[in-house]
Amino acid sequence: MRPRCAVKRTTTWVALLLILLVAGPFGAPMAWADEEHQGLQAGWAIDDLGNVNFTSSFSLQSRYMYQAEASWVRLNFRLGACYHDWVSVGCNGRTALQSYDEVVDIARNNGFQVLGLIGHESWPGGQEDWTANNAEHTSGNGDNPYLQHLGDDAAAVLARAFKEKVSAWEIWNEPNAWTDRDDKGRPKGGSFIYPSGFAWALTHAYEAIKQARPDAIVVSGGLFGHDLGDPAILFARDPCPTGVPSGADYLCATYEMGLAQAGWRPGAYPFDEVGQHIYIDGGSPTSEEKLRLYLDEIRDAYLLYEGADTRKTTQITEIGWSTKDLSQETQAANIVTAFDTFRQVPYVARTFWFHAQDVPEAGLFYGLVDAQGRKKRSFDVYVDVAGYESPAADLSDRPRGISRRLTP
């Protein structure tokens, strides 16, 4: 899992720029307003002082996202150090909801649709809180107070507050991403949560979001697919695909835990789309063959449980290559390969590039523009290859909610 953006306060001119962005960046409608393009992700939406305007913020990077003709933006709804919850007044004299209302309006006024991320930064707590009572290594069922708060006090509050403005929500970021192991070889660190806990996180959040807006799209958190570090596939089981560390093993384990512990029923799984992150070939050209391997493993995993006639598709909620590790030319070539591949695969829906601008203070060089706002070779390439329509999600026969109180 990559570190998120470091932040700083900025000066008065930044506030003036934000006013311009809220009014519309150029005072004219977007040329592509009636066309579908893919998505982008920027930096933090607010910093730890509750500011919307700061170096590397979404509010400032949104101008580059606009110029890149993105249709969708992925926003991390994180509380940060300023806020204890979503409705209490924080360090800056207003609530987190009020701050994010400003951010969402910036996105909408620039013509973007929003995929909102609700994850471990959306409610106060640490890994010991969200992994408590896990079914894998304790006698529990995976549920715990942290995950209940995530549903009742984060997902429910956010879905109600933004039901007219946000139509899609992603639950958890890289639930299978860990950075270390304990003395028993069990994963820890990062955003890792055991599959039993992730099953409950989806259950709680799905019910809360659907109650607020039944037609909202709920995406299961982006599974971290990679080819670096420890390649161990820790949740392998037959007949689930386990050829590469794509996250397919973890997805199968989540289905199993959901069915056994979280009240899931076949045909009533608590998510509408499957999120996937792909970070492969970090220092070299990628290939369609390798991308399809990672795509197909996740697809095969959810087909095992959903059936061949499922309407679910995959959303690539993060993919990127860093120019810290390869040349601008190779980054641009990889964008072409990736988006051309996704465009040809019928079960891949929307794709979000990570991300709009480099953030050197956080060691992030995945941007389409550098820290000074200069376009990289990849910028115009993204505009060209990401300008296509994604398959529309069909929710006609999907359940509108499931009871969190069910037990198997």
Protein backbone atom coordinates (compact mmCIF):
# COMPACT_ATOMS: atom_id res chain seq x y z
CA MET A 1 0.00 0.00 0.00
CA ARG A 2 1.39 3.38 -0.94
CA PRO A 3 1.59 6.19 1.62
CA ARG A 4 -0.94 8.94 1.16
CA CYS A 5 -0.15 12.56 0.66
CA ALA A 6 1.82 14.69 3.07
CA VAL A 7 0.22 18.09 3.54
CA LYS A 8 1.03 21.74 4.26
CA ARG A 9 -0.84 24.97 4.77
CA THR A 10 -0.86 27.32 1.79
CA THR A 11 -1.28 31.05 1.34
CA THR A 12 -4.11 33.35 0.35
CA TRP A 13 -3.71 32.89 -3.39
CA VAL A 14 -4.68 29.24 -2.99
CA ALA A 15 -8.01 30.26 -1.46
CA LEU A 16 -8.61 32.56 -4.42
CA LEU A 17 -7.84 29.70 -6.78
CA LEU A 18 -10.37 27.50 -4.99
CA ILE A 19 -13.07 30.12 -5.50
CA LEU A 20 -12.28 30.03 -9.22
CA LEU A 21 -12.45 26.22 -9.25
CA VAL A 22 -15.80 26.14 -7.48
CA ALA A 23 -17.21 28.62 -9.98
CA GLY A 24 -15.91 26.47 -12.84
CA PRO A 25 -12.32 26.42 -14.04
CA PHE A 26 -12.75 28.26 -17.29
CA GLY A 27 -16.29 29.61 -17.10
CA ALA A 28 -17.42 27.30 -19.90
CA PRO A 29 -19.00 23.83 -20.03
CA MET A 30 -16.68 20.89 -20.56
CA ALA A 31 -16.40 19.83 -24.19
CA TRP A 32 -16.73 16.20 -23.10
CA ALA A 33 -19.70 16.77 -20.74
CA ASP A 34 -21.92 14.39 -22.71
CA GLU A 35 -19.19 11.77 -23.13
CA GLU A 36 -17.99 9.13 -20.71
CA HIS A 37 -14.35 9.12 -19.66
CA GLN A 38 -12.53 7.14 -17.04
CA GLY A 39 -11.45 8.26 -13.57
CA LEU A 40 -8.56 9.84 -11.69
CA GLN A 41 -7.49 10.10 -8.07
CA ALA A 42 -5.79 13.08 -6.46
CA GLY A 43 -4.36 13.82 -3.02
CA TRP A 44 -6.11 14.18 0.31
CA ALA A 45 -9.42 16.03 0.25
CA ILE A 46 -8.69 17.68 3.63
CA ASP A 47 -5.53 17.87 5.68
CA ASP A 48 -5.06 17.21 9.40
CA LEU A 49 -6.10 20.77 10.20
CA GLY A 50 -9.35 20.38 8.30
CA ASN A 51 -8.19 22.59 5.41
CA VAL A 52 -9.50 22.02 1.89
CA ASN A 53 -6.71 24.10 0.31
CA PHE A 54 -3.16 22.87 0.81
CA THR A 55 -0.26 21.55 -1.23
CA SER A 56 -1.23 18.36 -3.11
CA SER A 57 -4.91 18.63 -2.17
CA PHE A 58 -7.72 17.44 -4.40
CA SER A 59 -9.00 21.01 -4.67
CA LEU A 60 -5.78 22.10 -6.39
CA GLN A 61 -5.19 18.92 -8.39
CA SER A 62 -8.74 19.08 -9.72
CA ARG A 63 -7.64 21.56 -12.38
CA TYR A 64 -5.34 18.91 -13.87
CA MET A 65 -8.09 16.31 -13.60
CA TYR A 66 -10.39 18.68 -15.48
CA GLN A 67 -7.79 19.24 -18.19
CA ALA A 68 -7.29 15.48 -18.45
CA GLU A 69 -11.04 15.17 -19.17
CA ALA A 70 -11.73 12.71 -16.35
CA SER A 71 -15.40 11.94 -15.76
CA TRP A 72 -14.98 10.41 -12.30
CA VAL A 73 -12.85 11.16 -9.26
CA ARG A 74 -12.13 8.85 -6.33
CA LEU A 75 -12.22 10.70 -3.01
CA ASN A 76 -11.01 9.23 0.27
CA PHE A 77 -13.44 10.30 3.01
CA ARG A 78 -10.89 10.43 5.80
CA LEU A 79 -11.44 12.20 9.11
CA GLY A 80 -7.81 13.09 9.72
CA ALA A 81 -6.54 14.52 12.99
CA CYS A 82 -8.98 17.44 13.01
CA TYR A 83 -12.16 15.43 13.53
CA HIS A 84 -13.27 12.74 15.97
CA ASP A 85 -16.40 11.91 13.99
CA TRP A 86 -18.44 13.24 11.08
CA VAL A 87 -20.95 15.43 12.93
CA SER A 88 -19.05 17.06 15.82
CA VAL A 89 -17.29 20.41 15.42
CA GLY A 90 -13.58 19.85 14.89
CA CYS A 91 -10.38 21.84 15.21
CA ASN A 92 -11.36 24.36 12.50
CA GLY A 93 -14.77 25.31 13.87
CA ARG A 94 -16.85 23.18 11.55
CA THR A 95 -17.78 19.54 11.12
CA ALA A 96 -16.15 17.01 8.82
CA LEU A 97 -19.39 16.82 6.85
CA GLN A 98 -19.23 20.56 6.21
CA SER A 99 -15.65 20.32 4.99
CA TYR A 100 -16.40 17.41 2.67
CA ASP A 101 -19.51 19.13 1.37
CA GLU A 102 -17.18 21.84 0.08
CA VAL A 103 -14.91 19.23 -1.50
CA VAL A 104 -17.76 17.34 -3.17
CA ASP A 105 -19.16 20.59 -4.54
CA ILE A 106 -15.77 21.36 -6.10
CA ALA A 107 -15.88 17.97 -7.81
CA ARG A 108 -19.45 18.38 -9.04
CA ASN A 109 -18.93 21.97 -10.19
CA ASN A 110 -16.05 20.73 -12.32
CA GLY A 111 -18.29 18.09 -13.90
CA PHE A 112 -16.95 15.05 -12.03
CA GLN A 113 -18.91 12.16 -10.60
CA VAL A 114 -17.62 10.90 -7.27
CA LEU A 115 -16.60 7.45 -6.05
CA GLY A 116 -16.38 7.88 -2.28
CA LEU A 117 -13.96 5.68 -0.34
CA ILE A 118 -15.07 4.64 3.16
CA GLY A 119 -12.23 2.83 4.88
CA HIS A 120 -10.04 2.60 7.94
CA GLU A 121 -9.46 6.37 7.87
CA SER A 122 -13.20 7.06 7.98
CA TRP A 123 -13.51 6.20 11.67
CA PRO A 124 -11.00 6.61 14.53
CA GLY A 125 -9.14 3.47 15.54
CA GLY A 126 -6.22 1.22 14.76
CA GLN A 127 -5.59 -2.19 13.31
CA GLU A 128 -6.10 -3.87 16.67
CA ASP A 129 -9.62 -2.39 16.68
CA TRP A 130 -10.74 -3.47 13.22
CA THR A 131 -9.16 -6.94 13.49
CA ALA A 132 -10.59 -7.65 16.96
CA ASN A 133 -12.73 -10.77 17.32
CA ASN A 134 -11.57 -12.13 13.95
CA ALA A 135 -12.69 -15.64 13.11
CA GLU A 136 -9.34 -16.67 11.67
CA HIS A 137 -7.33 -16.63 14.91
CA THR A 138 -9.83 -16.13 17.75
CA SER A 139 -13.13 -17.72 18.65
CA GLY A 140 -15.03 -14.71 17.30
CA ASN A 141 -17.04 -14.19 14.12
CA GLY A 142 -15.14 -11.17 12.74
CA ASP A 143 -17.56 -8.47 13.89
CA ASN A 144 -16.52 -5.85 16.41
CA PRO A 145 -17.46 -2.35 17.64
CA TYR A 146 -15.11 -0.63 15.19
CA LEU A 147 -16.83 -2.20 12.17
CA GLN A 148 -20.26 -1.45 13.63
CA HIS A 149 -19.27 2.21 14.01
CA LEU A 150 -17.96 2.18 10.45
CA GLY A 151 -21.45 1.22 9.29
CA ASP A 152 -23.60 3.24 11.68
CA ASP A 153 -21.50 6.35 12.23
CA ALA A 154 -19.52 6.63 8.99
CA ALA A 155 -21.24 4.88 6.06
CA ALA A 156 -24.78 5.71 7.19
CA VAL A 157 -23.95 9.34 7.98
CA LEU A 158 -22.04 9.89 4.73
CA ALA A 159 -24.58 8.13 2.53
CA ARG A 160 -27.42 10.21 3.97
CA ALA A 161 -25.52 13.49 3.83
CA PHE A 162 -24.41 13.00 0.21
CA LYS A 163 -27.28 10.95 -1.19
CA GLU A 164 -27.99 13.62 -3.82
CA LYS A 165 -24.34 14.11 -4.72
CA VAL A 166 -22.50 10.76 -4.46
CA SER A 167 -23.87 7.72 -6.28
CA ALA A 168 -21.04 5.24 -5.70
CA TRP A 169 -19.14 4.14 -2.59
CA GLU A 170 -16.13 1.88 -2.15
CA ILE A 171 -15.72 0.01 1.13
CA TRP A 172 -12.16 -0.26 2.51
CA ASN A 173 -8.91 0.34 0.71
CA GLU A 174 -6.72 -2.69 -0.03
CA PRO A 175 -8.07 -4.96 2.72
CA ASN A 176 -5.43 -7.57 1.83
CA ALA A 177 -2.46 -5.15 1.91
CA TRP A 178 -0.03 -5.78 4.78
CA THR A 179 3.52 -4.63 5.44
CA ASP A 180 4.89 -7.15 7.94
CA ARG A 181 4.21 -10.42 9.76
CA ASP A 182 4.03 -11.20 13.43
CA ASP A 183 6.02 -13.94 15.17
CA LYS A 184 3.44 -16.50 14.02
CA GLY A 185 3.68 -15.46 10.37
CA ARG A 186 0.34 -13.67 10.38
CA PRO A 187 0.02 -10.47 8.31
CA LYS A 188 -0.08 -7.07 9.98
CA GLY A 189 0.41 -3.43 9.11
CA GLY A 190 -0.96 -1.41 6.22
CA SER A 191 -4.71 -1.48 5.79
CA PHE A 192 -4.92 -5.24 6.32
CA ILE A 193 -8.11 -6.62 7.80
CA TYR A 194 -8.92 -10.32 8.14
CA PRO A 195 -11.48 -11.63 5.63
CA SER A 196 -13.98 -12.24 8.44
CA GLY A 197 -13.77 -8.57 9.42
CA PHE A 198 -13.93 -7.40 5.82
CA ALA A 199 -17.09 -9.46 5.34
CA TRP A 200 -18.69 -7.61 8.25
CA ALA A 201 -17.42 -4.23 7.04
CA LEU A 202 -19.19 -4.85 3.74
CA THR A 203 -22.33 -6.05 5.50
CA HIS A 204 -22.62 -3.03 7.77
CA ALA A 205 -21.73 -0.46 5.12
CA TYR A 206 -23.90 -1.97 2.39
CA GLU A 207 -27.01 -1.94 4.53
CA ALA A 208 -26.38 1.64 5.65
CA ILE A 209 -25.75 2.95 2.14
CA LYS A 210 -28.72 1.17 0.57
CA GLN A 211 -31.06 2.50 3.25
CA ALA A 212 -29.99 6.03 2.38
CA ARG A 213 -29.96 5.55 -1.40
CA PRO A 214 -31.17 2.20 -2.78
CA ASP A 215 -29.72 2.82 -6.25
CA ALA A 216 -26.22 3.62 -4.99
CA ILE A 217 -23.38 1.44 -6.27
CA VAL A 218 -21.36 -0.29 -3.54
CA VAL A 219 -17.88 -1.45 -4.59
CA SER A 220 -15.97 -3.93 -2.46
CA GLY A 221 -12.62 -2.47 -1.45
CA GLY A 222 -9.87 -2.55 -4.05
CA LEU A 223 -7.91 -5.78 -3.67
CA PHE A 224 -4.17 -5.17 -3.85
CA GLY A 225 -2.62 -7.06 -6.77
CA HIS A 226 1.16 -6.81 -7.06
CA ASP A 227 4.37 -8.58 -8.06
CA LEU A 228 6.70 -7.19 -5.42
CA GLY A 229 7.84 -7.99 -1.90
CA ASP A 230 6.55 -11.14 -0.22
CA PRO A 231 4.63 -13.04 -2.92
CA ALA A 232 2.97 -15.38 -0.41
CA ILE A 233 -0.65 -16.27 -1.11
CA LEU A 234 -1.88 -16.62 2.44
CA PHE A 235 -5.53 -17.53 1.91
CA ALA A 236 -5.19 -20.09 -0.86
CA ARG A 237 -7.93 -22.69 -1.12
CA ASP A 238 -9.31 -24.98 -3.78
CA PRO A 239 -10.77 -24.29 -6.28
CA CYS A 240 -9.98 -20.60 -5.98
CA PRO A 241 -7.32 -19.28 -8.42
CA THR A 242 -3.96 -18.74 -6.72
CA GLY A 243 -1.38 -18.33 -9.50
CA VAL A 244 -0.20 -14.80 -8.65
CA PRO A 245 -0.71 -12.40 -5.72
CA SER A 246 -3.79 -10.85 -7.32
CA GLY A 247 -5.97 -10.86 -4.19
CA ALA A 248 -8.20 -13.64 -5.55
CA ASP A 249 -7.37 -15.89 -2.60
CA TYR A 250 -8.43 -13.15 -0.17
CA LEU A 251 -11.66 -12.55 -2.09
CA CYS A 252 -12.57 -16.23 -1.90
CA ALA A 253 -11.82 -16.22 1.83
CA THR A 254 -14.10 -13.20 2.25
CA TYR A 255 -16.97 -15.00 0.53
CA GLU A 256 -16.40 -18.03 2.76
CA MET A 257 -16.33 -15.96 5.93
CA GLY A 258 -19.33 -13.95 4.84
CA LEU A 259 -21.36 -17.10 4.31
CA ALA A 260 -20.16 -18.74 7.51
CA GLN A 261 -20.02 -15.77 9.89
CA ALA A 262 -21.70 -12.61 8.57
CA GLY A 263 -25.12 -13.82 7.45
CA TRP A 264 -24.40 -13.72 3.73
CA ARG A 265 -26.68 -15.71 1.46
CA PRO A 266 -26.05 -16.81 -2.15
CA GLY A 267 -27.49 -14.16 -4.45
CA ALA A 268 -27.50 -11.53 -1.68
CA TYR A 269 -23.85 -10.61 -1.31
CA PRO A 270 -23.37 -7.08 0.10
CA PHE A 271 -21.62 -5.35 -2.79
CA ASP A 272 -22.54 -4.50 -6.37
CA GLU A 273 -19.10 -4.36 -7.99
CA VAL A 274 -15.66 -5.79 -7.18
CA GLY A 275 -12.77 -3.37 -6.66
CA GLN A 276 -9.26 -4.23 -7.80
CA HIS A 277 -5.87 -2.47 -7.62
CA ILE A 278 -3.07 -3.44 -10.00
CA TYR A 279 0.56 -2.53 -9.30
CA ILE A 280 2.74 -4.74 -11.44
CA ASP A 281 5.92 -4.31 -13.51
CA GLY A 282 6.82 -1.27 -11.46
CA GLY A 283 10.12 -0.63 -13.22
CA SER A 284 9.48 -2.01 -16.69
CA PRO A 285 6.98 -2.20 -19.55
CA THR A 286 3.84 -4.18 -18.75
CA SER A 287 1.91 -6.47 -21.07
CA GLU A 288 -1.67 -7.28 -21.94
CA GLU A 289 -1.00 -10.92 -21.07
CA LYS A 290 0.10 -10.13 -17.53
CA LEU A 291 -2.70 -7.63 -16.93
CA ARG A 292 -5.28 -10.16 -18.08
CA LEU A 293 -3.83 -12.76 -15.70
CA TYR A 294 -4.52 -10.49 -12.72
CA LEU A 295 -7.92 -9.47 -14.07
CA ASP A 296 -8.99 -13.04 -14.76
CA GLU A 297 -8.00 -14.33 -11.34
CA ILE A 298 -10.26 -11.85 -9.56
CA ARG A 299 -13.03 -12.46 -12.09
CA ASP A 300 -12.77 -16.24 -11.69
CA ALA A 301 -12.89 -15.87 -7.91
CA TYR A 302 -16.19 -14.01 -7.82
CA LEU A 303 -17.69 -16.17 -10.57
CA LEU A 304 -17.19 -19.17 -8.26
CA TYR A 305 -19.69 -17.65 -5.86
CA GLU A 306 -21.81 -15.37 -8.05
CA GLY A 307 -22.28 -17.75 -10.98
CA ALA A 308 -21.53 -17.28 -14.67
CA ASP A 309 -24.60 -15.08 -15.23
CA THR A 310 -23.63 -12.49 -12.60
CA ARG A 311 -24.11 -8.84 -13.46
CA LYS A 312 -21.16 -7.87 -11.28
CA THR A 313 -18.15 -6.38 -13.00
CA THR A 314 -14.68 -5.30 -11.86
CA GLN A 315 -13.79 -1.69 -11.14
CA ILE A 316 -10.08 -0.90 -11.25
CA THR A 317 -10.11 1.72 -8.50
CA GLU A 318 -6.32 2.14 -8.60
CA ILE A 319 -3.63 1.48 -11.17
CA GLY A 320 -0.43 3.39 -11.73
CA TRP A 321 3.26 3.45 -12.58
CA SER A 322 5.74 5.78 -10.89
CA THR A 323 8.29 7.81 -12.83
CA LYS A 324 10.58 7.37 -9.84
CA ASP A 325 11.04 3.78 -11.07
CA LEU A 326 10.75 4.14 -14.85
CA SER A 327 10.93 6.74 -17.59
CA GLN A 328 8.10 9.02 -18.63
CA GLU A 329 8.03 7.20 -21.95
CA THR A 330 7.54 3.82 -20.28
CA GLN A 331 4.86 5.21 -17.96
CA ALA A 332 3.00 6.52 -21.00
CA ALA A 333 3.40 3.23 -22.87
CA ASN A 334 2.05 1.31 -19.85
CA ILE A 335 -1.00 3.57 -19.74
CA VAL A 336 -1.71 2.71 -23.36
CA THR A 337 -1.31 -1.02 -22.71
CA ALA A 338 -3.46 -0.94 -19.58
CA PHE A 339 -6.39 1.09 -20.88
CA ASP A 340 -6.40 -0.65 -24.25
CA THR A 341 -6.57 -3.96 -22.37
CA PHE A 342 -9.35 -2.84 -20.02
CA ARG A 343 -11.34 -1.45 -22.90
CA GLN A 344 -11.37 -4.87 -24.57
CA VAL A 345 -12.36 -6.86 -21.47
CA PRO A 346 -16.16 -6.81 -21.15
CA TYR A 347 -16.26 -7.41 -17.40
CA VAL A 348 -13.97 -4.45 -16.56
CA ALA A 349 -15.99 -1.35 -15.84
CA ARG A 350 -14.49 1.95 -14.73
CA THR A 351 -10.75 2.50 -14.18
CA PHE A 352 -9.11 5.14 -11.96
CA TRP A 353 -5.53 6.19 -12.58
CA PHE A 354 -3.45 6.83 -9.44
CA HIS A 355 -2.93 9.75 -9.63
CA ALA A 356 -3.23 13.27 -11.07
CA GLN A 357 -0.04 14.98 -9.81
CA ASP A 358 3.27 13.96 -8.25
CA VAL A 359 3.58 14.45 -4.48
CA PRO A 360 7.34 14.40 -3.75
CA GLU A 361 6.87 14.96 -0.01
CA ALA A 362 5.02 11.63 0.15
CA GLY A 363 7.34 9.85 -2.30
CA LEU A 364 4.56 9.59 -4.90
CA PHE A 365 5.55 10.09 -8.54
CA TYR A 366 2.58 8.45 -10.25
CA GLY A 367 1.16 11.74 -11.52
CA LEU A 368 0.20 12.73 -15.03
CA VAL A 369 1.83 16.06 -14.19
CA ASP A 370 4.86 16.72 -12.00
CA ALA A 371 4.91 18.66 -8.74
CA GLN A 372 5.28 21.96 -10.63
CA GLY A 373 2.25 21.21 -12.82
CA ARG A 374 4.23 20.36 -15.94
CA LYS A 375 2.61 17.69 -18.10
CA LYS A 376 4.42 14.39 -18.36
CA ARG A 377 4.40 12.31 -21.54
CA SER A 378 1.52 10.34 -20.01
CA PHE A 379 -0.88 13.27 -19.76
CA ASP A 380 -2.00 13.51 -23.38
CA VAL A 381 -1.83 9.73 -23.65
CA TYR A 382 -4.31 9.39 -20.78
CA VAL A 383 -6.67 11.90 -22.40
CA ASP A 384 -6.62 9.79 -25.55
CA VAL A 385 -6.88 6.25 -24.21
CA ALA A 386 -9.19 6.91 -21.21
CA GLY A 387 -11.92 8.54 -23.28
CA TYR A 388 -14.38 5.68 -23.56
CA GLU A 389 -17.67 4.63 -22.01
CA SER A 390 -17.78 2.10 -19.19
CA PRO A 391 -20.48 -0.57 -18.95
CA ALA A 392 -23.43 0.63 -16.89
CA ALA A 393 -24.11 -1.28 -13.69
CA ASP A 394 -27.40 -3.19 -13.77
CA LEU A 395 -29.01 -3.19 -10.32
CA SER A 396 -32.46 -4.32 -11.44
CA ASP A 397 -32.41 -7.72 -9.74
CA ARG A 398 -30.05 -6.98 -6.89
CA PRO A 399 -31.11 -6.96 -3.24
CA ARG A 400 -31.52 -3.50 -1.71
CA GLY A 401 -30.00 -4.50 1.61
CA ILE A 402 -29.34 -7.41 3.89
CA SER A 403 -29.84 -7.67 7.60
CA ARG A 404 -26.69 -7.31 9.64
CA ARG A 405 -28.44 -9.22 12.40
CA LEU A 406 -28.63 -12.47 10.43
CA THR A 407 -26.52 -15.35 11.64
CA PRO A 408 -25.96 -18.58 9.75
